[in-house]
PDB file of N, CA and C in Angstrom:
ATOM      1  N   UNK A   1      52.942 -65.411 -14.257  1.00  0.00           N
ATOM      2  CA  UNK A   1      53.108 -65.630 -12.839  1.00  0.00           C
ATOM      3  C   UNK A   1      54.577 -65.417 -12.467  1.00  0.00           C
ATOM      4  N   UNK A   2      54.844 -64.490 -11.586  1.00  0.00           N
ATOM      5  CA  UNK A   2      56.216 -64.253 -11.170  1.00  0.00           C
ATOM      6  C   UNK A   2      56.500 -64.999  -9.879  1.00  0.00           C
ATOM      7  N   UNK A   3      57.731 -65.445  -9.752  1.00  0.00           N
ATOM      8  CA  UNK A   3      58.123 -66.150  -8.542  1.00  0.00           C
ATOM      9  C   UNK A   3      58.494 -65.133  -7.464  1.00  0.00           C
ATOM     10  N   UNK A   4      58.702 -65.624  -6.275  1.00  0.00           N
ATOM     11  CA  UNK A   4      59.070 -64.772  -5.154  1.00  0.00           C
ATOM     12  C   UNK A   4      60.415 -64.084  -5.410  1.00  0.00           C
ATOM     13  N   UNK A   5      61.354 -64.820  -5.993  1.00  0.00           N
ATOM     14  CA  UNK A   5      62.677 -64.264  -6.280  1.00  0.00           C
ATOM     15  C   UNK A   5      62.591 -63.199  -7.366  1.00  0.00           C
ATOM     16  N   UNK A   6      61.818 -63.443  -8.411  1.00  0.00           N
ATOM     17  CA  UNK A   6      61.652 -62.452  -9.472  1.00  0.00           C
ATOM     18  C   UNK A   6      61.024 -61.173  -8.931  1.00  0.00           C
ATOM     19  N   UNK A   7      60.067 -61.311  -8.044  1.00  0.00           N
ATOM     20  CA  UNK A   7      59.415 -60.152  -7.430  1.00  0.00           C
ATOM     21  C   UNK A   7      60.418 -59.346  -6.615  1.00  0.00           C
ATOM     22  N   UNK A   8      61.259 -60.033  -5.834  1.00  0.00           N
ATOM     23  CA  UNK A   8      62.271 -59.356  -5.024  1.00  0.00           C
ATOM     24  C   UNK A   8      63.270 -58.623  -5.904  1.00  0.00           C
ATOM     25  N   UNK A   9      63.696 -59.231  -6.988  1.00  0.00           N
ATOM     26  CA  UNK A   9      64.658 -58.598  -7.889  1.00  0.00           C
ATOM     27  C   UNK A   9      64.047 -57.374  -8.566  1.00  0.00           C
ATOM     28  N   UNK A  10      62.773 -57.444  -8.887  1.00  0.00           N
ATOM     29  CA  UNK A  10      62.078 -56.296  -9.488  1.00  0.00           C
ATOM     30  C   UNK A  10      62.033 -55.123  -8.502  1.00  0.00           C
ATOM     31  N   UNK A  11      61.710 -55.408  -7.238  1.00  0.00           N
ATOM     32  CA  UNK A  11      61.683 -54.378  -6.206  1.00  0.00           C
ATOM     33  C   UNK A  11      63.092 -53.822  -5.987  1.00  0.00           C
ATOM     34  N   UNK A  12      64.082 -54.722  -5.943  1.00  0.00           N
ATOM     35  CA  UNK A  12      65.473 -54.323  -5.736  1.00  0.00           C
ATOM     36  C   UNK A  12      65.933 -53.360  -6.828  1.00  0.00           C
ATOM     37  N   UNK A  13      65.611 -53.660  -8.073  1.00  0.00           N
ATOM     38  CA  UNK A  13      66.000 -52.814  -9.196  1.00  0.00           C
ATOM     39  C   UNK A  13      65.345 -51.440  -9.094  1.00  0.00           C
ATOM     40  N   UNK A  14      64.098 -51.408  -8.732  1.00  0.00           N
ATOM     41  CA  UNK A  14      63.375 -50.145  -8.600  1.00  0.00           C
ATOM     42  C   UNK A  14      63.968 -49.287  -7.475  1.00  0.00           C
ATOM     43  N   UNK A  15      64.254 -49.901  -6.341  1.00  0.00           N
ATOM     44  CA  UNK A  15      64.804 -49.163  -5.209  1.00  0.00           C
ATOM     45  C   UNK A  15      66.214 -48.664  -5.515  1.00  0.00           C
ATOM     46  N   UNK A  16      67.036 -49.483  -6.162  1.00  0.00           N
ATOM     47  CA  UNK A  16      68.408 -49.099  -6.472  1.00  0.00           C
ATOM     48  C   UNK A  16      68.475 -47.965  -7.479  1.00  0.00           C
ATOM     49  N   UNK A  17      67.402 -47.699  -8.194  1.00  0.00           N
ATOM     50  CA  UNK A  17      67.354 -46.552  -9.088  1.00  0.00           C
ATOM     51  C   UNK A  17      67.252 -45.253  -8.325  1.00  0.00           C
ATOM     52  N   UNK A  18      66.806 -45.312  -7.082  1.00  0.00           N
ATOM     53  CA  UNK A  18      66.595 -44.115  -6.275  1.00  0.00           C
ATOM     54  C   UNK A  18      67.700 -43.854  -5.265  1.00  0.00           C
ATOM     55  N   UNK A  19      68.351 -44.911  -4.771  1.00  0.00           N
ATOM     56  CA  UNK A  19      69.357 -44.698  -3.726  1.00  0.00           C
ATOM     57  C   UNK A  19      70.743 -45.064  -4.229  1.00  0.00           C
ATOM     58  N   UNK A  20      71.731 -44.384  -3.672  1.00  0.00           N
ATOM     59  CA  UNK A  20      73.125 -44.651  -4.001  1.00  0.00           C
ATOM     60  C   UNK A  20      73.972 -44.240  -2.806  1.00  0.00           C
ATOM     61  N   UNK A  21      75.048 -44.945  -2.574  1.00  0.00           N
ATOM     62  CA  UNK A  21      75.917 -44.637  -1.453  1.00  0.00           C
ATOM     63  C   UNK A  21      77.017 -43.675  -1.849  1.00  0.00           C
ATOM     64  N   UNK A  22      77.284 -42.703  -1.006  1.00  0.00           N
ATOM     65  CA  UNK A  22      78.366 -41.756  -1.231  1.00  0.00           C
ATOM     66  C   UNK A  22      79.392 -41.916  -0.110  1.00  0.00           C
ATOM     67  N   UNK A  23      80.457 -41.122  -0.174  1.00  0.00           N
ATOM     68  CA  UNK A  23      81.465 -41.193   0.877  1.00  0.00           C
ATOM     69  C   UNK A  23      80.897 -40.696   2.206  1.00  0.00           C
ATOM     70  N   UNK A  24      79.996 -39.678   2.150  1.00  0.00           N
ATOM     71  CA  UNK A  24      79.407 -39.150   3.372  1.00  0.00           C
ATOM     72  C   UNK A  24      78.340 -40.083   3.932  1.00  0.00           C
ATOM     73  N   UNK A  25      77.497 -40.625   3.041  1.00  0.00           N
ATOM     74  CA  UNK A  25      76.432 -41.550   3.456  1.00  0.00           C
ATOM     75  C   UNK A  25      76.488 -42.803   2.591  1.00  0.00           C
ATOM     76  N   UNK A  26      77.314 -43.782   2.970  1.00  0.00           N
ATOM     77  CA  UNK A  26      77.379 -45.009   2.178  1.00  0.00           C
ATOM     78  C   UNK A  26      76.101 -45.832   2.305  1.00  0.00           C
ATOM     79  N   UNK A  27      75.966 -46.791   1.412  1.00  0.00           N
ATOM     80  CA  UNK A  27      74.777 -47.644   1.363  1.00  0.00           C
ATOM     81  C   UNK A  27      75.023 -48.888   2.210  1.00  0.00           C
ATOM     82  N   UNK A  28      74.065 -49.194   3.095  1.00  0.00           N
ATOM     83  CA  UNK A  28      74.133 -50.420   3.885  1.00  0.00           C
ATOM     84  C   UNK A  28      73.149 -51.412   3.275  1.00  0.00           C
ATOM     85  N   UNK A  29      73.673 -52.447   2.656  1.00  0.00           N
ATOM     86  CA  UNK A  29      72.826 -53.416   1.971  1.00  0.00           C
ATOM     87  C   UNK A  29      72.816 -54.743   2.718  1.00  0.00           C
ATOM     88  N   UNK A  30      71.678 -55.417   2.653  1.00  0.00           N
ATOM     89  CA  UNK A  30      71.458 -56.663   3.384  1.00  0.00           C
ATOM     90  C   UNK A  30      71.147 -57.779   2.395  1.00  0.00           C
ATOM     91  N   UNK A  31      71.739 -58.957   2.616  1.00  0.00           N
ATOM     92  CA  UNK A  31      71.348 -60.148   1.872  1.00  0.00           C
ATOM     93  C   UNK A  31      70.943 -61.212   2.874  1.00  0.00           C
ATOM     94  N   UNK A  32      69.816 -61.815   2.623  1.00  0.00           N
ATOM     95  CA  UNK A  32      69.262 -62.807   3.534  1.00  0.00           C
ATOM     96  C   UNK A  32      69.131 -64.128   2.793  1.00  0.00           C
ATOM     97  N   UNK A  33      69.834 -65.151   3.258  1.00  0.00           N
ATOM     98  CA  UNK A  33      69.628 -66.486   2.705  1.00  0.00           C
ATOM     99  C   UNK A  33      68.746 -67.257   3.680  1.00  0.00           C
ATOM    100  N   UNK A  34      68.492 -68.512   3.388  1.00  0.00           N
ATOM    101  CA  UNK A  34      67.645 -69.302   4.283  1.00  0.00           C
ATOM    102  C   UNK A  34      68.298 -69.533   5.642  1.00  0.00           C
ATOM    103  N   UNK A  35      69.638 -69.614   5.673  1.00  0.00           N
ATOM    104  CA  UNK A  35      70.325 -69.911   6.920  1.00  0.00           C
ATOM    105  C   UNK A  35      71.090 -68.733   7.504  1.00  0.00           C
ATOM    106  N   UNK A  36      71.600 -67.844   6.671  1.00  0.00           N
ATOM    107  CA  UNK A  36      72.481 -66.769   7.132  1.00  0.00           C
ATOM    108  C   UNK A  36      71.936 -65.402   6.744  1.00  0.00           C
ATOM    109  N   UNK A  37      72.556 -64.358   7.294  1.00  0.00           N
ATOM    110  CA  UNK A  37      72.255 -62.982   6.919  1.00  0.00           C
ATOM    111  C   UNK A  37      73.583 -62.241   6.801  1.00  0.00           C
ATOM    112  N   UNK A  38      73.725 -61.454   5.751  1.00  0.00           N
ATOM    113  CA  UNK A  38      74.955 -60.751   5.448  1.00  0.00           C
ATOM    114  C   UNK A  38      74.640 -59.270   5.271  1.00  0.00           C
ATOM    115  N   UNK A  39      75.568 -58.405   5.674  1.00  0.00           N
ATOM    116  CA  UNK A  39      75.368 -56.965   5.518  1.00  0.00           C
ATOM    117  C   UNK A  39      76.704 -56.330   5.128  1.00  0.00           C
ATOM    118  N   UNK A  40      76.632 -55.349   4.219  1.00  0.00           N
ATOM    119  CA  UNK A  40      77.821 -54.628   3.778  1.00  0.00           C
ATOM    120  C   UNK A  40      77.533 -53.139   3.789  1.00  0.00           C
ATOM    121  N   UNK A  41      78.553 -52.348   4.053  1.00  0.00           N
ATOM    122  CA  UNK A  41      78.466 -50.898   3.908  1.00  0.00           C
ATOM    123  C   UNK A  41      79.340 -50.539   2.720  1.00  0.00           C
ATOM    124  N   UNK A  42      78.709 -49.946   1.686  1.00  0.00           N
ATOM    125  CA  UNK A  42      79.356 -49.761   0.392  1.00  0.00           C
ATOM    126  C   UNK A  42      79.360 -48.290  -0.001  1.00  0.00           C
ATOM    127  N   UNK A  43      80.514 -47.810  -0.466  1.00  0.00           N
ATOM    128  CA  UNK A  43      80.624 -46.493  -1.098  1.00  0.00           C
ATOM    129  C   UNK A  43      80.508 -46.733  -2.596  1.00  0.00           C
ATOM    130  N   UNK A  44      79.350 -46.411  -3.181  1.00  0.00           N
ATOM    131  CA  UNK A  44      79.104 -46.704  -4.593  1.00  0.00           C
ATOM    132  C   UNK A  44      79.947 -45.847  -5.532  1.00  0.00           C
ATOM    133  N   UNK A  45      80.273 -44.626  -5.129  1.00  0.00           N
ATOM    134  CA  UNK A  45      81.069 -43.751  -5.995  1.00  0.00           C
ATOM    135  C   UNK A  45      82.491 -44.289  -6.170  1.00  0.00           C
ATOM    136  N   UNK A  46      83.082 -44.769  -5.083  1.00  0.00           N
ATOM    137  CA  UNK A  46      84.427 -45.334  -5.139  1.00  0.00           C
ATOM    138  C   UNK A  46      84.401 -46.821  -5.501  1.00  0.00           C
ATOM    139  N   UNK A  47      83.231 -47.460  -5.347  1.00  0.00           N
ATOM    140  CA  UNK A  47      83.127 -48.885  -5.636  1.00  0.00           C
ATOM    141  C   UNK A  47      83.827 -49.744  -4.606  1.00  0.00           C
ATOM    142  N   UNK A  48      83.806 -49.325  -3.337  1.00  0.00           N
ATOM    143  CA  UNK A  48      84.507 -50.056  -2.287  1.00  0.00           C
ATOM    144  C   UNK A  48      83.562 -50.451  -1.164  1.00  0.00           C
ATOM    145  N   UNK A  49      83.833 -51.594  -0.582  1.00  0.00           N
ATOM    146  CA  UNK A  49      83.135 -52.038   0.613  1.00  0.00           C
ATOM    147  C   UNK A  49      83.903 -51.535   1.819  1.00  0.00           C
ATOM    148  N   UNK A  50      83.250 -50.738   2.652  1.00  0.00           N
ATOM    149  CA  UNK A  50      83.912 -50.144   3.811  1.00  0.00           C
ATOM    150  C   UNK A  50      83.889 -51.064   5.023  1.00  0.00           C
ATOM    151  N   UNK A  51      82.817 -51.829   5.185  1.00  0.00           N
ATOM    152  CA  UNK A  51      82.684 -52.751   6.312  1.00  0.00           C
ATOM    153  C   UNK A  51      81.693 -53.839   5.941  1.00  0.00           C
ATOM    154  N   UNK A  52      81.852 -54.997   6.550  1.00  0.00           N
ATOM    155  CA  UNK A  52      80.904 -56.088   6.306  1.00  0.00           C
ATOM    156  C   UNK A  52      80.806 -56.965   7.549  1.00  0.00           C
ATOM    157  N   UNK A  53      79.686 -57.651   7.654  1.00  0.00           N
ATOM    158  CA  UNK A  53      79.459 -58.574   8.767  1.00  0.00           C
ATOM    159  C   UNK A  53      78.477 -59.638   8.306  1.00  0.00           C
ATOM    160  N   UNK A  54      78.551 -60.804   8.938  1.00  0.00           N
ATOM    161  CA  UNK A  54      77.621 -61.874   8.595  1.00  0.00           C
ATOM    162  C   UNK A  54      77.382 -62.756   9.809  1.00  0.00           C
ATOM    163  N   UNK A  55      76.385 -63.599   9.697  1.00  0.00           N
ATOM    164  CA  UNK A  55      76.025 -64.482  10.801  1.00  0.00           C
ATOM    165  C   UNK A  55      76.753 -65.818  10.713  1.00  0.00           C
ATOM    166  N   UNK A  56      77.680 -65.977   9.785  1.00  0.00           N
ATOM    167  CA  UNK A  56      78.366 -67.260   9.641  1.00  0.00           C
ATOM    168  C   UNK A  56      79.235 -67.584  10.854  1.00  0.00           C
ATOM    169  N   UNK A  57      79.776 -66.555  11.515  1.00  0.00           N
ATOM    170  CA  UNK A  57      80.644 -66.784  12.668  1.00  0.00           C
ATOM    171  C   UNK A  57      79.858 -66.883  13.974  1.00  0.00           C
ATOM    172  N   UNK A  58      78.580 -66.573  13.947  1.00  0.00           N
ATOM    173  CA  UNK A  58      77.765 -66.571  15.163  1.00  0.00           C
ATOM    174  C   UNK A  58      77.185 -67.964  15.383  1.00  0.00           C
ATOM    175  N   UNK A  59      77.404 -68.480  16.569  1.00  0.00           N
ATOM    176  CA  UNK A  59      76.927 -69.815  16.904  1.00  0.00           C
ATOM    177  C   UNK A  59      75.631 -69.736  17.701  1.00  0.00           C
ATOM    178  N   UNK A  60      74.702 -70.629  17.393  1.00  0.00           N
ATOM    179  CA  UNK A  60      73.485 -70.777  18.185  1.00  0.00           C
ATOM    180  C   UNK A  60      72.531 -69.610  18.088  1.00  0.00           C
ATOM    181  N   UNK A  61      71.388 -69.759  18.715  1.00  0.00           N
ATOM    182  CA  UNK A  61      70.386 -68.713  18.738  1.00  0.00           C
ATOM    183  C   UNK A  61      69.447 -68.798  17.556  1.00  0.00           C
ATOM    184  N   UNK A  62      68.327 -68.120  17.681  1.00  0.00           N
ATOM    185  CA  UNK A  62      67.352 -68.067  16.597  1.00  0.00           C
ATOM    186  C   UNK A  62      67.858 -67.117  15.519  1.00  0.00           C
ATOM    187  N   UNK A  63      67.241 -67.178  14.354  1.00  0.00           N
ATOM    188  CA  UNK A  63      67.670 -66.346  13.232  1.00  0.00           C
ATOM    189  C   UNK A  63      67.530 -64.862  13.538  1.00  0.00           C
ATOM    190  N   UNK A  64      66.463 -64.478  14.241  1.00  0.00           N
ATOM    191  CA  UNK A  64      66.278 -63.069  14.599  1.00  0.00           C
ATOM    192  C   UNK A  64      67.364 -62.604  15.562  1.00  0.00           C
ATOM    193  N   UNK A  65      67.739 -63.462  16.505  1.00  0.00           N
ATOM    194  CA  UNK A  65      68.800 -63.119  17.450  1.00  0.00           C
ATOM    195  C   UNK A  65      70.129 -62.966  16.730  1.00  0.00           C
ATOM    196  N   UNK A  66      70.389 -63.844  15.774  1.00  0.00           N
ATOM    197  CA  UNK A  66      71.613 -63.742  14.987  1.00  0.00           C
ATOM    198  C   UNK A  66      71.631 -62.445  14.182  1.00  0.00           C
ATOM    199  N   UNK A  67      70.482 -62.078  13.606  1.00  0.00           N
ATOM    200  CA  UNK A  67      70.395 -60.842  12.828  1.00  0.00           C
ATOM    201  C   UNK A  67      70.670 -59.632  13.715  1.00  0.00           C
ATOM    202  N   UNK A  68      70.178 -59.646  14.933  1.00  0.00           N
ATOM    203  CA  UNK A  68      70.427 -58.539  15.860  1.00  0.00           C
ATOM    204  C   UNK A  68      71.919 -58.440  16.200  1.00  0.00           C
ATOM    205  N   UNK A  69      72.572 -59.576  16.379  1.00  0.00           N
ATOM    206  CA  UNK A  69      74.008 -59.578  16.665  1.00  0.00           C
ATOM    207  C   UNK A  69      74.797 -59.041  15.474  1.00  0.00           C
ATOM    208  N   UNK A  70      74.378 -59.398  14.269  1.00  0.00           N
ATOM    209  CA  UNK A  70      75.041 -58.903  13.061  1.00  0.00           C
ATOM    210  C   UNK A  70      74.847 -57.392  12.946  1.00  0.00           C
ATOM    211  N   UNK A  71      73.670 -56.899  13.277  1.00  0.00           N
ATOM    212  CA  UNK A  71      73.410 -55.465  13.248  1.00  0.00           C
ATOM    213  C   UNK A  71      74.297 -54.708  14.218  1.00  0.00           C
ATOM    214  N   UNK A  72      74.470 -55.243  15.413  1.00  0.00           N
ATOM    215  CA  UNK A  72      75.350 -54.605  16.394  1.00  0.00           C
ATOM    216  C   UNK A  72      76.799 -54.650  15.925  1.00  0.00           C
ATOM    217  N   UNK A  73      77.189 -55.753  15.312  1.00  0.00           N
ATOM    218  CA  UNK A  73      78.566 -55.901  14.822  1.00  0.00           C
ATOM    219  C   UNK A  73      78.859 -54.929  13.683  1.00  0.00           C
ATOM    220  N   UNK A  74      77.913 -54.759  12.745  1.00  0.00           N
ATOM    221  CA  UNK A  74      78.143 -53.845  11.626  1.00  0.00           C
ATOM    222  C   UNK A  74      78.187 -52.404  12.115  1.00  0.00           C
ATOM    223  N   UNK A  75      77.415 -52.070  13.145  1.00  0.00           N
ATOM    224  CA  UNK A  75      77.458 -50.717  13.709  1.00  0.00           C
ATOM    225  C   UNK A  75      78.832 -50.442  14.308  1.00  0.00           C
ATOM    226  N   UNK A  76      79.376 -51.433  14.993  1.00  0.00           N
ATOM    227  CA  UNK A  76      80.705 -51.287  15.596  1.00  0.00           C
ATOM    228  C   UNK A  76      81.779 -51.134  14.523  1.00  0.00           C
ATOM    229  N   UNK A  77      81.716 -51.969  13.488  1.00  0.00           N
ATOM    230  CA  UNK A  77      82.704 -51.909  12.404  1.00  0.00           C
ATOM    231  C   UNK A  77      82.586 -50.602  11.619  1.00  0.00           C
ATOM    232  N   UNK A  78      81.361 -50.112  11.453  1.00  0.00           N
ATOM    233  CA  UNK A  78      81.154 -48.857  10.722  1.00  0.00           C
ATOM    234  C   UNK A  78      81.760 -47.695  11.502  1.00  0.00           C
ATOM    235  N   UNK A  79      81.598 -47.684  12.816  1.00  0.00           N
ATOM    236  CA  UNK A  79      82.167 -46.613  13.626  1.00  0.00           C
ATOM    237  C   UNK A  79      83.690 -46.650  13.560  1.00  0.00           C
ATOM    238  N   UNK A  80      84.268 -47.852  13.517  1.00  0.00           N
ATOM    239  CA  UNK A  80      85.716 -47.980  13.382  1.00  0.00           C
ATOM    240  C   UNK A  80      86.193 -47.448  12.027  1.00  0.00           C
ATOM    241  N   UNK A  81      85.352 -47.587  10.996  1.00  0.00           N
ATOM    242  CA  UNK A  81      85.688 -47.095   9.657  1.00  0.00           C
ATOM    243  C   UNK A  81      85.358 -45.619   9.485  1.00  0.00           C
ATOM    244  N   UNK A  82      84.770 -44.999  10.520  1.00  0.00           N
ATOM    245  CA  UNK A  82      84.457 -43.582  10.470  1.00  0.00           C
ATOM    246  C   UNK A  82      83.115 -43.257   9.834  1.00  0.00           C
ATOM    247  N   UNK A  83      82.221 -44.240   9.781  1.00  0.00           N
ATOM    248  CA  UNK A  83      80.896 -44.039   9.190  1.00  0.00           C
ATOM    249  C   UNK A  83      79.875 -43.900  10.318  1.00  0.00           C
ATOM    250  N   UNK A  84      79.091 -42.816  10.282  1.00  0.00           N
ATOM    251  CA  UNK A  84      78.063 -42.623  11.303  1.00  0.00           C
ATOM    252  C   UNK A  84      76.664 -42.622  10.706  1.00  0.00           C
ATOM    253  N   UNK A  85      76.535 -42.293   9.412  1.00  0.00           N
ATOM    254  CA  UNK A  85      75.235 -42.191   8.764  1.00  0.00           C
ATOM    255  C   UNK A  85      75.248 -43.002   7.474  1.00  0.00           C
ATOM    256  N   UNK A  86      74.207 -43.795   7.256  1.00  0.00           N
ATOM    257  CA  UNK A  86      74.131 -44.648   6.070  1.00  0.00           C
ATOM    258  C   UNK A  86      72.753 -44.540   5.417  1.00  0.00           C
ATOM    259  N   UNK A  87      72.670 -45.034   4.183  1.00  0.00           N
ATOM    260  CA  UNK A  87      71.399 -45.193   3.477  1.00  0.00           C
ATOM    261  C   UNK A  87      71.076 -46.681   3.533  1.00  0.00           C
ATOM    262  N   UNK A  88      69.919 -47.052   4.034  1.00  0.00           N
ATOM    263  CA  UNK A  88      69.573 -48.467   4.209  1.00  0.00           C
ATOM    264  C   UNK A  88      68.971 -49.031   2.931  1.00  0.00           C
ATOM    265  N   UNK A  89      69.580 -50.082   2.416  1.00  0.00           N
ATOM    266  CA  UNK A  89      69.104 -50.785   1.230  1.00  0.00           C
ATOM    267  C   UNK A  89      68.652 -52.172   1.683  1.00  0.00           C
ATOM    268  N   UNK A  90      67.337 -52.372   1.742  1.00  0.00           N
ATOM    269  CA  UNK A  90      66.813 -53.657   2.216  1.00  0.00           C
ATOM    270  C   UNK A  90      66.841 -54.709   1.125  1.00  0.00           C
ATOM    271  N   UNK A  91      67.300 -54.346  -0.067  1.00  0.00           N
ATOM    272  CA  UNK A  91      67.574 -55.297  -1.148  1.00  0.00           C
ATOM    273  C   UNK A  91      66.326 -56.030  -1.642  1.00  0.00           C
ATOM    274  N   UNK A  92      65.177 -55.387  -1.576  1.00  0.00           N
ATOM    275  CA  UNK A  92      63.949 -55.990  -2.061  1.00  0.00           C
ATOM    276  C   UNK A  92      63.204 -56.828  -1.038  1.00  0.00           C
ATOM    277  N   UNK A  93      63.782 -57.004   0.142  1.00  0.00           N
ATOM    278  CA  UNK A  93      63.114 -57.772   1.192  1.00  0.00           C
ATOM    279  C   UNK A  93      62.140 -56.867   1.937  1.00  0.00           C
ATOM    280  N   UNK A  94      61.103 -57.457   2.509  1.00  0.00           N
ATOM    281  CA  UNK A  94      60.169 -56.704   3.334  1.00  0.00           C
ATOM    282  C   UNK A  94      60.870 -56.249   4.606  1.00  0.00           C
ATOM    283  N   UNK A  95      60.544 -55.052   5.077  1.00  0.00           N
ATOM    284  CA  UNK A  95      61.107 -54.545   6.323  1.00  0.00           C
ATOM    285  C   UNK A  95      60.343 -55.200   7.468  1.00  0.00           C
ATOM    286  N   UNK A  96      60.724 -56.431   7.761  1.00  0.00           N
ATOM    287  CA  UNK A  96      59.995 -57.261   8.702  1.00  0.00           C
ATOM    288  C   UNK A  96      60.916 -58.380   9.141  1.00  0.00           C
ATOM    289  N   UNK A  97      60.752 -58.879  10.328  1.00  0.00           N
ATOM    290  CA  UNK A  97      61.498 -60.041  10.784  1.00  0.00           C
ATOM    291  C   UNK A  97      62.980 -59.768  10.950  1.00  0.00           C
ATOM    292  N   UNK A  98      63.805 -60.584  10.266  1.00  0.00           N
ATOM    293  CA  UNK A  98      65.254 -60.489  10.418  1.00  0.00           C
ATOM    294  C   UNK A  98      65.816 -59.163   9.931  1.00  0.00           C
ATOM    295  N   UNK A  99      65.244 -58.607   8.862  1.00  0.00           N
ATOM    296  CA  UNK A  99      65.711 -57.335   8.326  1.00  0.00           C
ATOM    297  C   UNK A  99      65.457 -56.224   9.351  1.00  0.00           C
ATOM    298  N   UNK A 100      64.297 -56.230   9.966  1.00  0.00           N
ATOM    299  CA  UNK A 100      63.950 -55.218  10.969  1.00  0.00           C
ATOM    300  C   UNK A 100      64.828 -55.360  12.209  1.00  0.00           C
ATOM    301  N   UNK A 101      65.082 -56.575  12.650  1.00  0.00           N
ATOM    302  CA  UNK A 101      65.939 -56.814  13.810  1.00  0.00           C
ATOM    303  C   UNK A 101      67.352 -56.291  13.557  1.00  0.00           C
ATOM    304  N   UNK A 102      67.877 -56.564  12.375  1.00  0.00           N
ATOM    305  CA  UNK A 102      69.214 -56.098  12.025  1.00  0.00           C
ATOM    306  C   UNK A 102      69.260 -54.571  12.007  1.00  0.00           C
ATOM    307  N   UNK A 103      68.267 -53.937  11.395  1.00  0.00           N
ATOM    308  CA  UNK A 103      68.232 -52.479  11.307  1.00  0.00           C
ATOM    309  C   UNK A 103      68.102 -51.841  12.688  1.00  0.00           C
ATOM    310  N   UNK A 104      67.252 -52.389  13.533  1.00  0.00           N
ATOM    311  CA  UNK A 104      67.076 -51.840  14.876  1.00  0.00           C
ATOM    312  C   UNK A 104      68.360 -51.957  15.696  1.00  0.00           C
ATOM    313  N   UNK A 105      69.050 -53.089  15.580  1.00  0.00           N
ATOM    314  CA  UNK A 105      70.298 -53.288  16.320  1.00  0.00           C
ATOM    315  C   UNK A 105      71.381 -52.337  15.809  1.00  0.00           C
ATOM    316  N   UNK A 106      71.410 -52.087  14.499  1.00  0.00           N
ATOM    317  CA  UNK A 106      72.388 -51.152  13.950  1.00  0.00           C
ATOM    318  C   UNK A 106      72.103 -49.733  14.430  1.00  0.00           C
ATOM    319  N   UNK A 107      70.822 -49.370  14.515  1.00  0.00           N
ATOM    320  CA  UNK A 107      70.441 -48.044  15.035  1.00  0.00           C
ATOM    321  C   UNK A 107      70.853 -47.913  16.497  1.00  0.00           C
ATOM    322  N   UNK A 108      70.587 -48.949  17.280  1.00  0.00           N
ATOM    323  CA  UNK A 108      70.969 -48.926  18.697  1.00  0.00           C
ATOM    324  C   UNK A 108      72.484 -48.872  18.871  1.00  0.00           C
ATOM    325  N   UNK A 109      73.230 -49.399  17.886  1.00  0.00           N
ATOM    326  CA  UNK A 109      74.686 -49.369  17.920  1.00  0.00           C
ATOM    327  C   UNK A 109      75.268 -48.028  17.532  1.00  0.00           C
ATOM    328  N   UNK A 110      74.432 -47.098  17.058  1.00  0.00           N
ATOM    329  CA  UNK A 110      74.921 -45.757  16.753  1.00  0.00           C
ATOM    330  C   UNK A 110      74.823 -45.323  15.312  1.00  0.00           C
ATOM    331  N   UNK A 111      74.398 -46.204  14.394  1.00  0.00           N
ATOM    332  CA  UNK A 111      74.247 -45.800  12.990  1.00  0.00           C
ATOM    333  C   UNK A 111      72.975 -45.005  12.819  1.00  0.00           C
ATOM    334  N   UNK A 112      73.022 -44.004  11.940  1.00  0.00           N
ATOM    335  CA  UNK A 112      71.838 -43.195  11.660  1.00  0.00           C
ATOM    336  C   UNK A 112      71.381 -43.461  10.240  1.00  0.00           C
ATOM    337  N   UNK A 113      70.108 -43.838  10.101  1.00  0.00           N
ATOM    338  CA  UNK A 113      69.481 -43.991   8.776  1.00  0.00           C
ATOM    339  C   UNK A 113      67.993 -43.944   8.900  1.00  0.00           C
TER     340      UNK A 113
END
C-alpha cells in the first residue's frame, strides 16, 4: 500500500525524467503545502533559480485566490528576468484546484507553456 506522498514522488520522478529546463525554456516548478504554495523558475543546465514567488507574503483570501495571485506575481517576475516561455512542472500534483489556478494566472500574465 503506497501513501499519497509516495505516489506523488513516484509521479514526480517519472515526469522529471522527461522534462528539463534550459536557458531558452526554463522549468516552472510548483510546491504545494497544506497552507502555502511556492513556485520557482529554474534553469536546470546552469543550476540557477531565475525567479520565485510564494503565498507567504499574501494576506487573506482563499487558497485558490492566493494561488492565482502567486501565478500573476511569478509571470511578472519572469518577464523582468527576460523569460517568456517555460516548461510547466506540476511536481506530481494533479492539474486541478490550486495548481490549475496558478497556471491559468501565469498564462494570463504572459507566460507561455
